[in-house]
């Protein structure tokens, strides 16, 4: 008998992608056990892969936040030189329990998230 995969919080950093993939597969098969998803503090809900462009997620008590990730869309945007260009644009929204997370902290998180999504190489440059 194989042991259940570790919750993401307990997964070593190098095993995080594998643990997330395993848990997602179990969730799709309706085989996820409560001990495999309870006890978290932050959830990411991605409906973009299902064609949803934007949504607002509801916090799973007693968690502090949930990040709703919509699908990317190609949009025409100003290029800063008087013309236009196309860019992939993704809408995310953060719901947070203000009893736990101050609104300013939540806004700072979203600002950082946007910075890293728009410049993913910064993730490599910021690594310890």
Foldseek 3Di string as FASTA:
>chain_A
DDDQQAALVPDDPVCNVVSVVSQVVCVVVVNHDCNNPPDDAEEEAECQVVVFQDDDDDDDPPHFKYKYKHHWDWDWDDPVPPRIDIDTDIDMDMDGDCVVDPPVNVVVVVVVVVVCVVPVVVVVVPDD
